[in-house]
Amino acid sequence: MKVQEVTYLSDYTITVKFEDGVSGTIQLNDLVEKGIFKVLQDKIEFAKVYTTGYSIAWSNELEIDTTTIYSEITGKHFGDIISPKFSYATN
């Protein structure tokens, strides 16, 4: 699944639109409190968010896998996103 668009809204909030039509708003306040992401407490830096298609990023070192964001927006479990359950046709 690819991200088509990511847009900074305000504070630590972004909107994300995926190629399958799923879109949503996500707050990343907790993210900026941890490890290397602390540099994003500067809202000017946080606002520089962009997508590589397969991640949400602020630089080559600061990115989040889109599956994590997709899971957060849809409420689906990680395993259901990366390995969907298949149903088989019966005769």
PDB file of N, CA and C in Angstrom:
ATOM      1  N   MET A   1       0.837  -1.164   0.000  1.00  0.00           N
ATOM      2  CA  MET A   1       0.000   0.000   0.000  1.00  0.00           C
ATOM      3  C   MET A   1       0.886   1.233   0.000  1.00  0.00           C
ATOM      4  N   LYS A   2       0.508   2.163  -0.853  1.00  0.00           N
ATOM      5  CA  LYS A   2       1.314   3.365  -1.004  1.00  0.00           C
ATOM      6  C   LYS A   2       0.543   4.593  -0.532  1.00  0.00           C
ATOM      7  N   VAL A   3       1.287   5.547  -0.037  1.00  0.00           N
ATOM      8  CA  VAL A   3       0.707   6.831   0.337  1.00  0.00           C
ATOM      9  C   VAL A   3       0.742   7.732  -0.890  1.00  0.00           C
ATOM     10  N   GLN A   4      -0.392   8.325  -1.195  1.00  0.00           N
ATOM     11  CA  GLN A   4      -0.454   9.270  -2.300  1.00  0.00           C
ATOM     12  C   GLN A   4      -0.110  10.680  -1.829  1.00  0.00           C
ATOM     13  N   GLU A   5      -0.544  10.990  -0.608  1.00  0.00           N
ATOM     14  CA  GLU A   5      -0.398  12.364  -0.146  1.00  0.00           C
ATOM     15  C   GLU A   5      -0.327  12.419   1.371  1.00  0.00           C
ATOM     16  N   VAL A   6       0.502  13.288   1.879  1.00  0.00           N
ATOM     17  CA  VAL A   6       0.544  13.580   3.305  1.00  0.00           C
ATOM     18  C   VAL A   6       0.576  15.099   3.453  1.00  0.00           C
ATOM     19  N   THR A   7      -0.247  15.598   4.360  1.00  0.00           N
ATOM     20  CA  THR A   7      -0.372  17.040   4.532  1.00  0.00           C
ATOM     21  C   THR A   7      -0.281  17.396   6.013  1.00  0.00           C
ATOM     22  N   TYR A   8       0.539  18.364   6.310  1.00  0.00           N
ATOM     23  CA  TYR A   8       0.634  18.902   7.671  1.00  0.00           C
ATOM     24  C   TYR A   8      -0.593  19.776   7.919  1.00  0.00           C
ATOM     25  N   LEU A   9      -1.252  19.575   9.068  1.00  0.00           N
ATOM     26  CA  LEU A   9      -2.407  20.397   9.426  1.00  0.00           C
ATOM     27  C   LEU A   9      -2.028  21.457  10.452  1.00  0.00           C
ATOM     28  N   SER A  10      -1.660  21.001  11.656  1.00  0.00           N
ATOM     29  CA  SER A  10      -1.254  21.910  12.722  1.00  0.00           C
ATOM     30  C   SER A  10      -0.617  21.087  13.832  1.00  0.00           C
ATOM     31  N   ASP A  11       0.115  21.782  14.683  1.00  0.00           N
ATOM     32  CA  ASP A  11       0.802  21.128  15.791  1.00  0.00           C
ATOM     33  C   ASP A  11       1.481  19.845  15.299  1.00  0.00           C
ATOM     34  N   TYR A  12       1.058  18.686  15.790  1.00  0.00           N
ATOM     35  CA  TYR A  12       1.671  17.418  15.388  1.00  0.00           C
ATOM     36  C   TYR A  12       0.646  16.534  14.698  1.00  0.00           C
ATOM     37  N   THR A  13      -0.192  17.153  13.874  1.00  0.00           N
ATOM     38  CA  THR A  13      -1.284  16.463  13.202  1.00  0.00           C
ATOM     39  C   THR A  13      -1.083  16.515  11.691  1.00  0.00           C
ATOM     40  N   ILE A  14      -1.282  15.343  11.056  1.00  0.00           N
ATOM     41  CA  ILE A  14      -1.175  15.244   9.599  1.00  0.00           C
ATOM     42  C   ILE A  14      -2.390  14.502   9.055  1.00  0.00           C
ATOM     43  N   THR A  15      -2.667  14.712   7.774  1.00  0.00           N
ATOM     44  CA  THR A  15      -3.646  13.886   7.072  1.00  0.00           C
ATOM     45  C   THR A  15      -2.872  13.043   6.072  1.00  0.00           C
ATOM     46  N   VAL A  16      -3.352  11.821   5.883  1.00  0.00           N
ATOM     47  CA  VAL A  16      -2.691  10.884   4.986  1.00  0.00           C
ATOM     48  C   VAL A  16      -3.742  10.285   4.059  1.00  0.00           C
ATOM     49  N   LYS A  17      -3.401  10.210   2.778  1.00  0.00           N
ATOM     50  CA  LYS A  17      -4.288   9.584   1.800  1.00  0.00           C
ATOM     51  C   LYS A  17      -3.527   8.450   1.120  1.00  0.00           C
ATOM     52  N   PHE A  18      -4.131   7.258   1.147  1.00  0.00           N
ATOM     53  CA  PHE A  18      -3.527   6.069   0.553  1.00  0.00           C
ATOM     54  C   PHE A  18      -4.112   5.812  -0.828  1.00  0.00           C
ATOM     55  N   GLU A  19      -3.373   5.045  -1.633  1.00  0.00           N
ATOM     56  CA  GLU A  19      -3.791   4.764  -3.004  1.00  0.00           C
ATOM     57  C   GLU A  19      -5.093   3.972  -3.089  1.00  0.00           C
ATOM     58  N   ASP A  20      -5.471   3.257  -2.021  1.00  0.00           N
ATOM     59  CA  ASP A  20      -6.718   2.481  -2.043  1.00  0.00           C
ATOM     60  C   ASP A  20      -7.934   3.311  -1.632  1.00  0.00           C
ATOM     61  N   GLY A  21      -7.733   4.627  -1.440  1.00  0.00           N
ATOM     62  CA  GLY A  21      -8.833   5.515  -1.087  1.00  0.00           C
ATOM     63  C   GLY A  21      -8.977   5.781   0.390  1.00  0.00           C
ATOM     64  N   VAL A  22      -8.312   5.006   1.222  1.00  0.00           N
ATOM     65  CA  VAL A  22      -8.350   5.244   2.667  1.00  0.00           C
ATOM     66  C   VAL A  22      -7.618   6.547   2.967  1.00  0.00           C
ATOM     67  N   SER A  23      -8.222   7.359   3.812  1.00  0.00           N
ATOM     68  CA  SER A  23      -7.557   8.581   4.242  1.00  0.00           C
ATOM     69  C   SER A  23      -7.980   8.877   5.670  1.00  0.00           C
ATOM     70  N   GLY A  24      -7.180   9.662   6.346  1.00  0.00           N
ATOM     71  CA  GLY A  24      -7.511  10.007   7.706  1.00  0.00           C
ATOM     72  C   GLY A  24      -6.514  10.973   8.299  1.00  0.00           C
ATOM     73  N   THR A  25      -6.859  11.428   9.469  1.00  0.00           N
ATOM     74  CA  THR A  25      -6.033  12.369  10.213  1.00  0.00           C
ATOM     75  C   THR A  25      -5.424  11.631  11.379  1.00  0.00           C
ATOM     76  N   ILE A  26      -4.174  11.910  11.645  1.00  0.00           N
ATOM     77  CA  ILE A  26      -3.482  11.248  12.749  1.00  0.00           C
ATOM     78  C   ILE A  26      -2.657  12.274  13.522  1.00  0.00           C
ATOM     79  N   GLN A  27      -2.716  12.151  14.842  1.00  0.00           N
ATOM     80  CA  GLN A  27      -1.924  13.009  15.714  1.00  0.00           C
ATOM     81  C   GLN A  27      -0.692  12.239  16.163  1.00  0.00           C
ATOM     82  N   LEU A  28       0.465  12.867  16.053  1.00  0.00           N
ATOM     83  CA  LEU A  28       1.721  12.199  16.385  1.00  0.00           C
ATOM     84  C   LEU A  28       2.421  12.851  17.573  1.00  0.00           C
ATOM     85  N   ASN A  29       1.626  13.373  18.511  1.00  0.00           N
ATOM     86  CA  ASN A  29       2.181  14.008  19.710  1.00  0.00           C
ATOM     87  C   ASN A  29       3.121  13.075  20.466  1.00  0.00           C
ATOM     88  N   ASP A  30       2.733  11.814  20.619  1.00  0.00           N
ATOM     89  CA  ASP A  30       3.555  10.853  21.351  1.00  0.00           C
ATOM     90  C   ASP A  30       4.878  10.580  20.638  1.00  0.00           C
ATOM     91  N   LEU A  31       4.840  10.568  19.317  1.00  0.00           N
ATOM     92  CA  LEU A  31       6.038  10.279  18.535  1.00  0.00           C
ATOM     93  C   LEU A  31       7.156  11.271  18.825  1.00  0.00           C
ATOM     94  N   VAL A  32       6.831  12.544  18.905  1.00  0.00           N
ATOM     95  CA  VAL A  32       7.858  13.577  19.064  1.00  0.00           C
ATOM     96  C   VAL A  32       8.465  13.602  20.466  1.00  0.00           C
ATOM     97  N   GLU A  33       7.973  12.744  21.326  1.00  0.00           N
ATOM     98  CA  GLU A  33       8.511  12.639  22.685  1.00  0.00           C
ATOM     99  C   GLU A  33       9.574  11.555  22.801  1.00  0.00           C
ATOM    100  N   LYS A  34       9.839  10.825  21.703  1.00  0.00           N
ATOM    101  CA  LYS A  34      10.690   9.636  21.773  1.00  0.00           C
ATOM    102  C   LYS A  34      11.927   9.723  20.893  1.00  0.00           C
ATOM    103  N   GLY A  35      13.044   9.311  21.432  1.00  0.00           N
ATOM    104  CA  GLY A  35      14.283   9.081  20.694  1.00  0.00           C
ATOM    105  C   GLY A  35      14.624  10.128  19.657  1.00  0.00           C
ATOM    106  N   ILE A  36      14.957   9.642  18.473  1.00  0.00           N
ATOM    107  CA  ILE A  36      15.416  10.542  17.409  1.00  0.00           C
ATOM    108  C   ILE A  36      14.312  11.464  16.906  1.00  0.00           C
ATOM    109  N   PHE A  37      13.057  11.135  17.202  1.00  0.00           N
ATOM    110  CA  PHE A  37      11.946  11.967  16.753  1.00  0.00           C
ATOM    111  C   PHE A  37      11.780  13.243  17.583  1.00  0.00           C
ATOM    112  N   LYS A  38      12.528  13.370  18.673  1.00  0.00           N
ATOM    113  CA  LYS A  38      12.434  14.572  19.513  1.00  0.00           C
ATOM    114  C   LYS A  38      12.761  15.848  18.743  1.00  0.00           C
ATOM    115  N   VAL A  39      13.571  15.752  17.698  1.00  0.00           N
ATOM    116  CA  VAL A  39      13.890  16.944  16.900  1.00  0.00           C
ATOM    117  C   VAL A  39      12.633  17.515  16.243  1.00  0.00           C
ATOM    118  N   LEU A  40      11.588  16.703  16.125  1.00  0.00           N
ATOM    119  CA  LEU A  40      10.346  17.160  15.512  1.00  0.00           C
ATOM    120  C   LEU A  40       9.457  17.933  16.479  1.00  0.00           C
ATOM    121  N   GLN A  41       9.910  18.119  17.713  1.00  0.00           N
ATOM    122  CA  GLN A  41       9.186  18.988  18.632  1.00  0.00           C
ATOM    123  C   GLN A  41       9.177  20.415  18.100  1.00  0.00           C
ATOM    124  N   ASP A  42      10.158  20.730  17.275  1.00  0.00           N
ATOM    125  CA  ASP A  42      10.176  22.001  16.564  1.00  0.00           C
ATOM    126  C   ASP A  42       9.113  21.894  15.464  1.00  0.00           C
ATOM    127  N   LYS A  43       8.015  22.613  15.613  1.00  0.00           N
ATOM    128  CA  LYS A  43       6.886  22.473  14.691  1.00  0.00           C
ATOM    129  C   LYS A  43       7.235  22.884  13.265  1.00  0.00           C
ATOM    130  N   ILE A  44       8.216  23.739  13.106  1.00  0.00           N
ATOM    131  CA  ILE A  44       8.660  24.104  11.763  1.00  0.00           C
ATOM    132  C   ILE A  44       9.268  22.883  11.077  1.00  0.00           C
ATOM    133  N   GLU A  45      10.041  22.099  11.826  1.00  0.00           N
ATOM    134  CA  GLU A  45      10.618  20.864  11.280  1.00  0.00           C
ATOM    135  C   GLU A  45       9.526  19.816  11.042  1.00  0.00           C
ATOM    136  N   PHE A  46       8.591  19.700  11.979  1.00  0.00           N
ATOM    137  CA  PHE A  46       7.514  18.722  11.831  1.00  0.00           C
ATOM    138  C   PHE A  46       6.685  19.010  10.576  1.00  0.00           C
ATOM    139  N   ALA A  47       6.475  20.272  10.285  1.00  0.00           N
ATOM    140  CA  ALA A  47       5.660  20.680   9.137  1.00  0.00           C
ATOM    141  C   ALA A  47       6.297  20.298   7.800  1.00  0.00           C
ATOM    142  N   LYS A  48       7.551  19.905   7.798  1.00  0.00           N
ATOM    143  CA  LYS A  48       8.251  19.523   6.563  1.00  0.00           C
ATOM    144  C   LYS A  48       7.959  18.077   6.155  1.00  0.00           C
ATOM    145  N   VAL A  49       6.952  17.463   6.724  1.00  0.00           N
ATOM    146  CA  VAL A  49       6.600  16.073   6.449  1.00  0.00           C
ATOM    147  C   VAL A  49       6.338  15.859   4.952  1.00  0.00           C
ATOM    148  N   TYR A  50       6.734  14.700   4.467  1.00  0.00           N
ATOM    149  CA  TYR A  50       6.503  14.316   3.071  1.00  0.00           C
ATOM    150  C   TYR A  50       6.366  12.804   3.003  1.00  0.00           C
ATOM    151  N   THR A  51       6.025  12.291   1.841  1.00  0.00           N
ATOM    152  CA  THR A  51       5.931  10.848   1.669  1.00  0.00           C
ATOM    153  C   THR A  51       6.932  10.370   0.621  1.00  0.00           C
ATOM    154  N   THR A  52       7.460   9.181   0.869  1.00  0.00           N
ATOM    155  CA  THR A  52       8.306   8.516  -0.123  1.00  0.00           C
ATOM    156  C   THR A  52       7.466   7.517  -0.926  1.00  0.00           C
ATOM    157  N   GLY A  53       6.204   7.421  -0.587  1.00  0.00           N
ATOM    158  CA  GLY A  53       5.307   6.425  -1.172  1.00  0.00           C
ATOM    159  C   GLY A  53       5.099   5.269  -0.214  1.00  0.00           C
ATOM    160  N   TYR A  54       6.187   4.816   0.386  1.00  0.00           N
ATOM    161  CA  TYR A  54       6.108   3.693   1.327  1.00  0.00           C
ATOM    162  C   TYR A  54       6.426   4.101   2.757  1.00  0.00           C
ATOM    163  N   SER A  55       6.631   5.393   2.974  1.00  0.00           N
ATOM    164  CA  SER A  55       6.841   5.885   4.336  1.00  0.00           C
ATOM    165  C   SER A  55       6.400   7.337   4.420  1.00  0.00           C
ATOM    166  N   ILE A  56       6.184   7.763   5.656  1.00  0.00           N
ATOM    167  CA  ILE A  56       5.957   9.170   5.980  1.00  0.00           C
ATOM    168  C   ILE A  56       7.295   9.622   6.537  1.00  0.00           C
ATOM    169  N   ALA A  57       7.843  10.710   6.024  1.00  0.00           N
ATOM    170  CA  ALA A  57       9.219  11.060   6.391  1.00  0.00           C
ATOM    171  C   ALA A  57       9.384  12.556   6.631  1.00  0.00           C
ATOM    172  N   TRP A  58      10.479  12.832   7.333  1.00  0.00           N
ATOM    173  CA  TRP A  58      10.925  14.202   7.562  1.00  0.00           C
ATOM    174  C   TRP A  58      12.362  14.362   7.081  1.00  0.00           C
ATOM    175  N   SER A  59      13.055  13.249   6.943  1.00  0.00           N
ATOM    176  CA  SER A  59      14.418  13.208   6.416  1.00  0.00           C
ATOM    177  C   SER A  59      14.737  11.746   6.118  1.00  0.00           C
ATOM    178  N   ASN A  60      15.948  11.473   5.640  1.00  0.00           N
ATOM    179  CA  ASN A  60      16.350  10.084   5.385  1.00  0.00           C
ATOM    180  C   ASN A  60      16.417   9.271   6.665  1.00  0.00           C
ATOM    181  N   GLU A  61      16.637   9.927   7.794  1.00  0.00           N
ATOM    182  CA  GLU A  61      16.766   9.227   9.074  1.00  0.00           C
ATOM    183  C   GLU A  61      15.452   9.152   9.851  1.00  0.00           C
ATOM    184  N   LEU A  62      14.501  10.017   9.529  1.00  0.00           N
ATOM    185  CA  LEU A  62      13.254  10.094  10.289  1.00  0.00           C
ATOM    186  C   LEU A  62      12.073   9.723   9.402  1.00  0.00           C
ATOM    187  N   GLU A  63      11.643   8.467   9.516  1.00  0.00           N
ATOM    188  CA  GLU A  63      10.485   8.038   8.743  1.00  0.00           C
ATOM    189  C   GLU A  63       9.703   6.975   9.486  1.00  0.00           C
ATOM    190  N   ILE A  64       8.428   6.865   9.123  1.00  0.00           N
ATOM    191  CA  ILE A  64       7.523   5.878   9.704  1.00  0.00           C
ATOM    192  C   ILE A  64       6.968   5.051   8.552  1.00  0.00           C
ATOM    193  N   ASP A  65       6.974   3.757   8.706  1.00  0.00           N
ATOM    194  CA  ASP A  65       6.426   2.848   7.705  1.00  0.00           C
ATOM    195  C   ASP A  65       4.932   3.120   7.522  1.00  0.00           C
ATOM    196  N   THR A  66       4.468   3.115   6.294  1.00  0.00           N
ATOM    197  CA  THR A  66       3.062   3.418   6.035  1.00  0.00           C
ATOM    198  C   THR A  66       2.101   2.381   6.623  1.00  0.00           C
ATOM    199  N   THR A  67       2.553   1.158   6.800  1.00  0.00           N
ATOM    200  CA  THR A  67       1.682   0.140   7.393  1.00  0.00           C
ATOM    201  C   THR A  67       1.283   0.533   8.810  1.00  0.00           C
ATOM    202  N   THR A  68       2.202   1.122   9.540  1.00  0.00           N
ATOM    203  CA  THR A  68       1.910   1.580  10.899  1.00  0.00           C
ATOM    204  C   THR A  68       0.841   2.670  10.878  1.00  0.00           C
ATOM    205  N   ILE A  69       0.977   3.619   9.972  1.00  0.00           N
ATOM    206  CA  ILE A  69       0.007   4.705   9.859  1.00  0.00           C
ATOM    207  C   ILE A  69      -1.347   4.175   9.385  1.00  0.00           C
ATOM    208  N   TYR A  70      -1.330   3.281   8.407  1.00  0.00           N
ATOM    209  CA  TYR A  70      -2.561   2.680   7.883  1.00  0.00           C
ATOM    210  C   TYR A  70      -3.311   1.952   9.006  1.00  0.00           C
ATOM    211  N   SER A  71      -2.581   1.211   9.803  1.00  0.00           N
ATOM    212  CA  SER A  71      -3.169   0.494  10.933  1.00  0.00           C
ATOM    213  C   SER A  71      -3.816   1.458  11.919  1.00  0.00           C
ATOM    214  N   GLU A  72      -3.140   2.541  12.209  1.00  0.00           N
ATOM    215  CA  GLU A  72      -3.653   3.538  13.149  1.00  0.00           C
ATOM    216  C   GLU A  72      -4.928   4.192  12.616  1.00  0.00           C
ATOM    217  N   ILE A  73      -4.963   4.511  11.342  1.00  0.00           N
ATOM    218  CA  ILE A  73      -6.117   5.179  10.751  1.00  0.00           C
ATOM    219  C   ILE A  73      -7.310   4.240  10.619  1.00  0.00           C
ATOM    220  N   THR A  74      -7.074   3.008  10.191  1.00  0.00           N
ATOM    221  CA  THR A  74      -8.176   2.079   9.919  1.00  0.00           C
ATOM    222  C   THR A  74      -8.594   1.252  11.134  1.00  0.00           C
ATOM    223  N   GLY A  75      -7.704   1.132  12.112  1.00  0.00           N
ATOM    224  CA  GLY A  75      -7.993   0.270  13.255  1.00  0.00           C
ATOM    225  C   GLY A  75      -7.751  -1.202  12.961  1.00  0.00           C
ATOM    226  N   LYS A  76      -7.213  -1.497  11.786  1.00  0.00           N
ATOM    227  CA  LYS A  76      -6.914  -2.889  11.435  1.00  0.00           C
ATOM    228  C   LYS A  76      -5.609  -3.316  12.101  1.00  0.00           C
ATOM    229  N   HIS A  77      -5.532  -4.592  12.420  1.00  0.00           N
ATOM    230  CA  HIS A  77      -4.318  -5.146  12.998  1.00  0.00           C
ATOM    231  C   HIS A  77      -3.235  -5.252  11.929  1.00  0.00           C
ATOM    232  N   PHE A  78      -2.013  -5.050  12.342  1.00  0.00           N
ATOM    233  CA  PHE A  78      -0.853  -5.068  11.454  1.00  0.00           C
ATOM    234  C   PHE A  78      -0.838  -6.322  10.578  1.00  0.00           C
ATOM    235  N   GLY A  79      -1.066  -7.487  11.184  1.00  0.00           N
ATOM    236  CA  GLY A  79      -1.039  -8.754  10.449  1.00  0.00           C
ATOM    237  C   GLY A  79      -2.111  -8.849   9.382  1.00  0.00           C
ATOM    238  N   ASP A  80      -3.274  -8.245   9.624  1.00  0.00           N
ATOM    239  CA  ASP A  80      -4.351  -8.269   8.634  1.00  0.00           C
ATOM    240  C   ASP A  80      -4.033  -7.379   7.432  1.00  0.00           C
ATOM    241  N   ILE A  81      -3.175  -6.404   7.638  1.00  0.00           N
ATOM    242  CA  ILE A  81      -2.813  -5.495   6.549  1.00  0.00           C
ATOM    243  C   ILE A  81      -1.745  -6.119   5.664  1.00  0.00           C
ATOM    244  N   ILE A  82      -0.709  -6.698   6.290  1.00  0.00           N
ATOM    245  CA  ILE A  82       0.392  -7.229   5.491  1.00  0.00           C
ATOM    246  C   ILE A  82       0.143  -8.641   4.987  1.00  0.00           C
ATOM    247  N   SER A  83      -0.735  -9.411   5.636  1.00  0.00           N
ATOM    248  CA  SER A  83      -1.087 -10.753   5.168  1.00  0.00           C
ATOM    249  C   SER A  83      -2.585 -10.930   5.320  1.00  0.00           C
ATOM    250  N   PRO A  84      -3.342 -10.373   4.394  1.00  0.00           N
ATOM    251  CA  PRO A  84      -4.794 -10.484   4.514  1.00  0.00           C
ATOM    252  C   PRO A  84      -5.259 -11.931   4.447  1.00  0.00           C
ATOM    253  N   LYS A  85      -6.347 -12.190   5.135  1.00  0.00           N
ATOM    254  CA  LYS A  85      -6.919 -13.530   5.120  1.00  0.00           C
ATOM    255  C   LYS A  85      -7.609 -13.741   3.779  1.00  0.00           C
ATOM    256  N   PHE A  86      -7.342 -14.875   3.162  1.00  0.00           N
ATOM    257  CA  PHE A  86      -7.933 -15.201   1.883  1.00  0.00           C
ATOM    258  C   PHE A  86      -9.146 -16.096   2.094  1.00  0.00           C
ATOM    259  N   SER A  87     -10.146 -15.915   1.254  1.00  0.00           N
ATOM    260  CA  SER A  87     -11.258 -16.856   1.245  1.00  0.00           C
ATOM    261  C   SER A  87     -11.210 -17.583  -0.086  1.00  0.00           C
ATOM    262  N   TYR A  88     -11.585 -18.816  -0.073  1.00  0.00           N
ATOM    263  CA  TYR A  88     -11.489 -19.637  -1.254  1.00  0.00           C
ATOM    264  C   TYR A  88     -12.889 -19.996  -1.754  1.00  0.00           C
ATOM    265  N   ALA A  89     -13.025 -19.980  -3.065  1.00  0.00           N
ATOM    266  CA  ALA A  89     -14.293 -20.372  -3.683  1.00  0.00           C
ATOM    267  C   ALA A  89     -14.501 -21.865  -3.515  1.00  0.00           C
ATOM    268  N   THR A  90     -15.729 -22.233  -3.326  1.00  0.00           N
ATOM    269  CA  THR A  90     -16.064 -23.662  -3.238  1.00  0.00           C
ATOM    270  C   THR A  90     -16.940 -24.029  -4.419  1.00  0.00           C
ATOM    271  N   ASN A  91     -16.941 -25.296  -4.756  1.00  0.00           N
ATOM    272  CA  ASN A  91     -17.761 -25.766  -5.883  1.00  0.00           C
ATOM    273  C   ASN A  91     -19.192 -25.909  -5.485  1.00  0.00           C
TER     274      ASN A  91
END
